[in-house]
Amino acid sequence: MLSTLRIDPQAATPIYLQLVQQIAQCIASGEWRSGDEVPSVRMVAQRFGINPMTISKAYSELARQGWLMAQRGKPMRVADCPPEEAKQLLQTDLHQLVYTAKRLGIDLQTVQAELAKRWEEQDDRD
């Protein structure tokens, strides 16, 4: 499960938000399935060399949003993800992409070309 996460400590996005976004995407895509046990805070902290409180904050936010479910005394697990949640996640990412492109003065054709290029690169990695 952890091999799909990419944490960039130099990114403008806080680490806990990187975790929230990436884990939500893993769940929405079906890569992390309903009922799967989520890696422990300690395991994630050791793997990425980040503060355990950062991971706890991300997990708490994911539970608040309904992506994860917590049961006292048991490991956290992936919650059921309705298709609407996955669609909303994509809509949020698309909104950010459009906003950023417009702010930078990048035209639609360039955005489409870059998206197509990234789409093909992603297929090559699978």
N, C-alpha and C. Protein backbone atom coordinates (compact mmCIF):
# COMPACT_ATOMS: atom_id res chain seq x y z
N MET A 1 0.81 -1.20 0.00
CA MET A 1 0.00 0.00 0.00
C MET A 1 0.85 1.26 0.00
N LEU A 2 1.93 1.24 0.73
CA LEU A 2 2.75 2.45 0.85
C LEU A 2 3.51 2.77 -0.42
N SER A 3 3.71 1.78 -1.27
CA SER A 3 4.50 2.01 -2.48
C SER A 3 3.81 2.98 -3.45
N THR A 4 2.52 3.18 -3.30
CA THR A 4 1.80 4.09 -4.19
C THR A 4 1.87 5.54 -3.73
N LEU A 5 2.29 5.78 -2.50
CA LEU A 5 2.33 7.14 -1.98
C LEU A 5 3.66 7.81 -2.31
N ARG A 6 3.60 9.07 -2.67
CA ARG A 6 4.79 9.87 -2.98
C ARG A 6 4.73 11.15 -2.15
N ILE A 7 5.61 11.27 -1.18
CA ILE A 7 5.64 12.44 -0.32
C ILE A 7 6.80 13.33 -0.75
N ASP A 8 6.49 14.61 -0.97
CA ASP A 8 7.52 15.58 -1.37
C ASP A 8 7.63 16.64 -0.28
N PRO A 9 8.64 16.53 0.58
CA PRO A 9 8.80 17.50 1.67
C PRO A 9 9.05 18.93 1.18
N GLN A 10 9.49 19.08 -0.07
CA GLN A 10 9.78 20.41 -0.62
C GLN A 10 8.56 21.06 -1.28
N ALA A 11 7.47 20.32 -1.41
CA ALA A 11 6.28 20.83 -2.08
C ALA A 11 5.61 21.91 -1.24
N ALA A 12 4.88 22.78 -1.91
CA ALA A 12 4.13 23.84 -1.22
C ALA A 12 2.97 23.25 -0.41
N THR A 13 2.46 22.11 -0.84
CA THR A 13 1.35 21.45 -0.14
C THR A 13 1.89 20.78 1.12
N PRO A 14 1.26 21.06 2.29
CA PRO A 14 1.72 20.42 3.52
C PRO A 14 1.68 18.88 3.40
N ILE A 15 2.57 18.23 4.11
CA ILE A 15 2.69 16.78 4.02
C ILE A 15 1.39 16.08 4.39
N TYR A 16 0.72 16.56 5.43
CA TYR A 16 -0.52 15.88 5.82
C TYR A 16 -1.56 15.97 4.71
N LEU A 17 -1.60 17.09 3.97
CA LEU A 17 -2.54 17.22 2.86
C LEU A 17 -2.13 16.35 1.68
N GLN A 18 -0.83 16.20 1.47
CA GLN A 18 -0.37 15.27 0.43
C GLN A 18 -0.89 13.87 0.74
N LEU A 19 -0.78 13.47 2.01
CA LEU A 19 -1.26 12.16 2.42
C LEU A 19 -2.77 12.04 2.23
N VAL A 20 -3.50 13.05 2.67
CA VAL A 20 -4.96 13.03 2.54
C VAL A 20 -5.36 12.87 1.08
N GLN A 21 -4.77 13.69 0.22
CA GLN A 21 -5.14 13.66 -1.21
C GLN A 21 -4.77 12.32 -1.84
N GLN A 22 -3.58 11.85 -1.59
CA GLN A 22 -3.13 10.62 -2.23
C GLN A 22 -3.88 9.38 -1.72
N ILE A 23 -4.13 9.33 -0.43
CA ILE A 23 -4.85 8.17 0.11
C ILE A 23 -6.30 8.19 -0.39
N ALA A 24 -6.92 9.35 -0.43
CA ALA A 24 -8.29 9.44 -0.96
C ALA A 24 -8.32 8.98 -2.42
N GLN A 25 -7.31 9.35 -3.18
CA GLN A 25 -7.24 8.91 -4.58
C GLN A 25 -7.06 7.39 -4.67
N CYS A 26 -6.23 6.82 -3.79
CA CYS A 26 -6.04 5.36 -3.78
C CYS A 26 -7.35 4.64 -3.47
N ILE A 27 -8.12 5.20 -2.55
CA ILE A 27 -9.40 4.58 -2.19
C ILE A 27 -10.40 4.75 -3.32
N ALA A 28 -10.49 5.96 -3.87
CA ALA A 28 -11.45 6.23 -4.94
C ALA A 28 -11.17 5.38 -6.17
N SER A 29 -9.91 5.12 -6.43
CA SER A 29 -9.54 4.33 -7.62
C SER A 29 -9.72 2.83 -7.40
N GLY A 30 -9.92 2.44 -6.15
CA GLY A 30 -10.06 1.01 -5.86
C GLY A 30 -8.75 0.33 -5.54
N GLU A 31 -7.66 1.09 -5.56
CA GLU A 31 -6.35 0.52 -5.24
C GLU A 31 -6.31 0.08 -3.77
N TRP A 32 -6.89 0.90 -2.90
CA TRP A 32 -7.11 0.52 -1.51
C TRP A 32 -8.59 0.18 -1.42
N ARG A 33 -8.91 -1.04 -1.03
CA ARG A 33 -10.30 -1.51 -1.06
C ARG A 33 -10.99 -1.39 0.31
N SER A 34 -12.29 -1.28 0.23
CA SER A 34 -13.11 -1.22 1.44
C SER A 34 -12.77 -2.38 2.36
N GLY A 35 -12.53 -2.05 3.63
CA GLY A 35 -12.20 -3.06 4.63
C GLY A 35 -10.72 -3.34 4.79
N ASP A 36 -9.89 -2.87 3.83
CA ASP A 36 -8.45 -3.07 3.95
C ASP A 36 -7.92 -2.35 5.19
N GLU A 37 -6.96 -2.99 5.85
CA GLU A 37 -6.30 -2.36 6.98
C GLU A 37 -5.33 -1.30 6.46
N VAL A 38 -5.38 -0.13 7.06
CA VAL A 38 -4.53 0.99 6.67
C VAL A 38 -3.18 0.83 7.37
N PRO A 39 -2.08 1.15 6.68
CA PRO A 39 -0.76 1.06 7.34
C PRO A 39 -0.75 1.88 8.63
N SER A 40 -0.07 1.36 9.65
CA SER A 40 -0.03 2.04 10.94
C SER A 40 0.71 3.38 10.83
N VAL A 41 0.40 4.25 11.76
CA VAL A 41 1.06 5.55 11.82
C VAL A 41 2.57 5.35 11.92
N ARG A 42 2.99 4.43 12.76
CA ARG A 42 4.42 4.16 12.96
C ARG A 42 5.07 3.70 11.66
N MET A 43 4.40 2.81 10.93
CA MET A 43 4.94 2.28 9.68
C MET A 43 5.12 3.40 8.64
N VAL A 44 4.12 4.26 8.52
CA VAL A 44 4.19 5.37 7.55
C VAL A 44 5.28 6.35 7.96
N ALA A 45 5.36 6.64 9.26
CA ALA A 45 6.37 7.58 9.75
C ALA A 45 7.78 7.07 9.46
N GLN A 46 8.00 5.78 9.68
CA GLN A 46 9.32 5.21 9.42
C GLN A 46 9.63 5.18 7.93
N ARG A 47 8.65 4.82 7.14
CA ARG A 47 8.85 4.70 5.68
C ARG A 47 9.24 6.02 5.04
N PHE A 48 8.58 7.12 5.48
CA PHE A 48 8.81 8.41 4.85
C PHE A 48 9.64 9.38 5.70
N GLY A 49 9.97 8.96 6.92
CA GLY A 49 10.78 9.82 7.78
C GLY A 49 10.05 11.10 8.17
N ILE A 50 8.76 10.97 8.48
CA ILE A 50 7.98 12.14 8.88
C ILE A 50 7.39 11.94 10.27
N ASN A 51 7.00 13.03 10.88
CA ASN A 51 6.49 13.02 12.24
C ASN A 51 5.18 12.22 12.32
N PRO A 52 5.07 11.32 13.29
CA PRO A 52 3.84 10.54 13.44
C PRO A 52 2.59 11.39 13.63
N MET A 53 2.73 12.56 14.22
CA MET A 53 1.57 13.45 14.41
C MET A 53 1.03 13.92 13.06
N THR A 54 1.91 14.06 12.08
CA THR A 54 1.49 14.45 10.73
C THR A 54 0.60 13.38 10.13
N ILE A 55 0.97 12.14 10.31
CA ILE A 55 0.18 11.02 9.78
C ILE A 55 -1.14 10.91 10.53
N SER A 56 -1.09 11.07 11.84
CA SER A 56 -2.32 11.03 12.65
C SER A 56 -3.30 12.11 12.20
N LYS A 57 -2.77 13.28 11.91
CA LYS A 57 -3.62 14.39 11.43
C LYS A 57 -4.26 14.02 10.09
N ALA A 58 -3.49 13.44 9.20
CA ALA A 58 -4.02 13.04 7.89
C ALA A 58 -5.08 11.95 8.06
N TYR A 59 -4.80 10.95 8.88
CA TYR A 59 -5.76 9.87 9.10
C TYR A 59 -7.05 10.40 9.73
N SER A 60 -6.92 11.32 10.67
CA SER A 60 -8.10 11.90 11.30
C SER A 60 -8.95 12.65 10.28
N GLU A 61 -8.30 13.38 9.41
CA GLU A 61 -9.03 14.12 8.36
C GLU A 61 -9.71 13.15 7.40
N LEU A 62 -9.02 12.09 7.03
CA LEU A 62 -9.62 11.09 6.13
C LEU A 62 -10.81 10.40 6.79
N ALA A 63 -10.73 10.15 8.08
CA ALA A 63 -11.85 9.56 8.80
C ALA A 63 -13.01 10.55 8.86
N ARG A 64 -12.71 11.82 9.10
CA ARG A 64 -13.74 12.86 9.15
C ARG A 64 -14.47 12.96 7.81
N GLN A 65 -13.71 12.82 6.72
CA GLN A 65 -14.28 12.91 5.38
C GLN A 65 -15.00 11.62 4.96
N GLY A 66 -14.82 10.55 5.73
CA GLY A 66 -15.51 9.30 5.43
C GLY A 66 -14.71 8.31 4.60
N TRP A 67 -13.44 8.59 4.34
CA TRP A 67 -12.60 7.67 3.56
C TRP A 67 -12.10 6.51 4.42
N LEU A 68 -11.86 6.77 5.71
CA LEU A 68 -11.36 5.74 6.63
C LEU A 68 -12.33 5.60 7.79
N MET A 69 -12.29 4.44 8.43
CA MET A 69 -13.11 4.23 9.62
C MET A 69 -12.23 3.74 10.76
N ALA A 70 -12.46 4.33 11.91
CA ALA A 70 -11.67 3.99 13.09
C ALA A 70 -12.56 3.28 14.10
N GLN A 71 -12.00 2.24 14.72
CA GLN A 71 -12.66 1.54 15.81
C GLN A 71 -11.67 1.45 16.95
N ARG A 72 -12.12 1.86 18.11
CA ARG A 72 -11.25 1.88 19.27
C ARG A 72 -10.60 0.52 19.48
N GLY A 73 -9.28 0.53 19.61
CA GLY A 73 -8.53 -0.69 19.88
C GLY A 73 -8.26 -1.57 18.67
N LYS A 74 -8.70 -1.12 17.49
CA LYS A 74 -8.48 -1.90 16.27
C LYS A 74 -7.80 -1.02 15.23
N PRO A 75 -7.12 -1.66 14.28
CA PRO A 75 -6.47 -0.87 13.22
C PRO A 75 -7.51 -0.10 12.39
N MET A 76 -7.10 1.04 11.89
CA MET A 76 -7.96 1.82 11.02
C MET A 76 -8.14 1.07 9.71
N ARG A 77 -9.31 1.17 9.12
CA ARG A 77 -9.63 0.47 7.88
C ARG A 77 -10.21 1.42 6.86
N VAL A 78 -10.14 1.00 5.60
CA VAL A 78 -10.72 1.76 4.50
C VAL A 78 -12.23 1.62 4.58
N ALA A 79 -12.93 2.74 4.48
CA ALA A 79 -14.39 2.75 4.50
C ALA A 79 -14.93 2.49 3.10
N ASP A 80 -16.22 2.25 3.00
CA ASP A 80 -16.85 2.13 1.68
C ASP A 80 -16.75 3.49 1.00
N CYS A 81 -16.45 3.48 -0.28
CA CYS A 81 -16.31 4.74 -1.04
C CYS A 81 -17.39 4.79 -2.11
N PRO A 82 -18.43 5.59 -1.88
CA PRO A 82 -19.44 5.71 -2.91
C PRO A 82 -18.87 6.37 -4.16
N PRO A 83 -19.34 6.01 -5.36
CA PRO A 83 -18.83 6.60 -6.60
C PRO A 83 -18.89 8.13 -6.61
N GLU A 84 -19.87 8.70 -5.91
CA GLU A 84 -19.99 10.17 -5.87
C GLU A 84 -18.76 10.80 -5.22
N GLU A 85 -18.21 10.12 -4.21
CA GLU A 85 -17.02 10.63 -3.54
C GLU A 85 -15.83 10.65 -4.51
N ALA A 86 -15.69 9.58 -5.27
CA ALA A 86 -14.59 9.51 -6.23
C ALA A 86 -14.74 10.60 -7.29
N LYS A 87 -15.95 10.79 -7.77
CA LYS A 87 -16.19 11.82 -8.78
C LYS A 87 -15.89 13.21 -8.20
N GLN A 88 -16.28 13.45 -6.96
CA GLN A 88 -16.03 14.74 -6.32
C GLN A 88 -14.52 14.98 -6.19
N LEU A 89 -13.77 13.94 -5.89
CA LEU A 89 -12.32 14.06 -5.77
C LEU A 89 -11.72 14.51 -7.10
N LEU A 90 -12.16 13.90 -8.19
CA LEU A 90 -11.68 14.29 -9.52
C LEU A 90 -12.08 15.73 -9.83
N GLN A 91 -13.30 16.10 -9.50
CA GLN A 91 -13.77 17.46 -9.76
C GLN A 91 -12.91 18.49 -9.03
N THR A 92 -12.53 18.18 -7.81
CA THR A 92 -11.68 19.09 -7.04
C THR A 92 -10.32 19.25 -7.71
N ASP A 93 -9.74 18.15 -8.14
CA ASP A 93 -8.44 18.21 -8.83
C ASP A 93 -8.55 18.98 -10.15
N LEU A 94 -9.62 18.74 -10.89
CA LEU A 94 -9.81 19.45 -12.16
C LEU A 94 -9.99 20.95 -11.94
N HIS A 95 -10.73 21.29 -10.91
CA HIS A 95 -10.93 22.72 -10.60
C HIS A 95 -9.58 23.38 -10.32
N GLN A 96 -8.75 22.72 -9.55
CA GLN A 96 -7.41 23.27 -9.24
C GLN A 96 -6.56 23.39 -10.49
N LEU A 97 -6.61 22.39 -11.37
CA LEU A 97 -5.84 22.41 -12.61
C LEU A 97 -6.26 23.60 -13.48
N VAL A 98 -7.56 23.77 -13.65
CA VAL A 98 -8.07 24.87 -14.48
C VAL A 98 -7.69 26.21 -13.87
N TYR A 99 -7.88 26.35 -12.58
CA TYR A 99 -7.55 27.60 -11.89
C TYR A 99 -6.07 27.96 -12.08
N THR A 100 -5.19 26.98 -11.86
CA THR A 100 -3.75 27.21 -12.00
C THR A 100 -3.38 27.56 -13.43
N ALA A 101 -3.91 26.82 -14.40
CA ALA A 101 -3.60 27.08 -15.81
C ALA A 101 -4.03 28.49 -16.21
N LYS A 102 -5.20 28.89 -15.81
CA LYS A 102 -5.69 30.24 -16.16
C LYS A 102 -4.84 31.32 -15.49
N ARG A 103 -4.47 31.09 -14.23
CA ARG A 103 -3.62 32.06 -13.53
C ARG A 103 -2.28 32.24 -14.22
N LEU A 104 -1.77 31.14 -14.78
CA LEU A 104 -0.47 31.19 -15.45
C LEU A 104 -0.57 31.58 -16.91
N GLY A 105 -1.80 31.76 -17.40
CA GLY A 105 -1.99 32.16 -18.79
C GLY A 105 -1.76 31.03 -19.78
N ILE A 106 -1.96 29.80 -19.35
CA ILE A 106 -1.76 28.65 -20.23
C ILE A 106 -3.08 28.34 -20.92
N ASP A 107 -3.06 28.21 -22.25
CA ASP A 107 -4.30 27.99 -22.99
C ASP A 107 -4.77 26.54 -22.89
N LEU A 108 -6.04 26.34 -23.24
CA LEU A 108 -6.67 25.03 -23.13
C LEU A 108 -5.95 23.96 -23.95
N GLN A 109 -5.51 24.32 -25.15
CA GLN A 109 -4.83 23.34 -26.01
C GLN A 109 -3.55 22.82 -25.35
N THR A 110 -2.81 23.71 -24.72
CA THR A 110 -1.58 23.31 -24.05
C THR A 110 -1.89 22.40 -22.86
N VAL A 111 -2.93 22.75 -22.10
CA VAL A 111 -3.33 21.92 -20.96
C VAL A 111 -3.74 20.53 -21.46
N GLN A 112 -4.53 20.48 -22.53
CA GLN A 112 -4.96 19.20 -23.07
C GLN A 112 -3.77 18.36 -23.55
N ALA A 113 -2.82 19.02 -24.20
CA ALA A 113 -1.64 18.31 -24.70
C ALA A 113 -0.82 17.75 -23.54
N GLU A 114 -0.64 18.55 -22.49
CA GLU A 114 0.11 18.09 -21.31
C GLU A 114 -0.61 16.96 -20.60
N LEU A 115 -1.93 17.09 -20.51
CA LEU A 115 -2.72 16.04 -19.87
C LEU A 115 -2.61 14.73 -20.65
N ALA A 116 -2.70 14.81 -21.98
CA ALA A 116 -2.58 13.61 -22.82
C ALA A 116 -1.19 12.98 -22.65
N LYS A 117 -0.18 13.82 -22.59
CA LYS A 117 1.20 13.33 -22.42
C LYS A 117 1.34 12.60 -21.08
N ARG A 118 0.84 13.20 -20.02
CA ARG A 118 0.92 12.58 -18.69
C ARG A 118 0.10 11.29 -18.65
N TRP A 119 -1.05 11.29 -19.33
CA TRP A 119 -1.91 10.11 -19.38
C TRP A 119 -1.14 8.94 -19.97
N GLU A 120 -0.43 9.19 -21.08
CA GLU A 120 0.34 8.14 -21.74
C GLU A 120 1.53 7.71 -20.86
N GLU A 121 2.19 8.66 -20.23
CA GLU A 121 3.31 8.31 -19.35
C GLU A 121 2.84 7.42 -18.21
N GLN A 122 1.68 7.70 -17.67
CA GLN A 122 1.13 6.91 -16.56
C GLN A 122 0.87 5.47 -17.02
N ASP A 123 0.33 5.31 -18.22
CA ASP A 123 0.09 3.97 -18.75
C ASP A 123 1.39 3.19 -18.90
N ASP A 124 2.47 3.89 -19.25
CA ASP A 124 3.76 3.24 -19.42
C ASP A 124 4.32 2.73 -18.09
N ARG A 125 3.97 3.37 -16.98
CA ARG A 125 4.50 2.98 -15.66
C ARG A 125 3.77 1.79 -15.07
N ASP A 126 2.57 1.53 -15.52
CA ASP A 126 1.77 0.43 -14.93
C ASP A 126 2.22 -0.91 -15.40
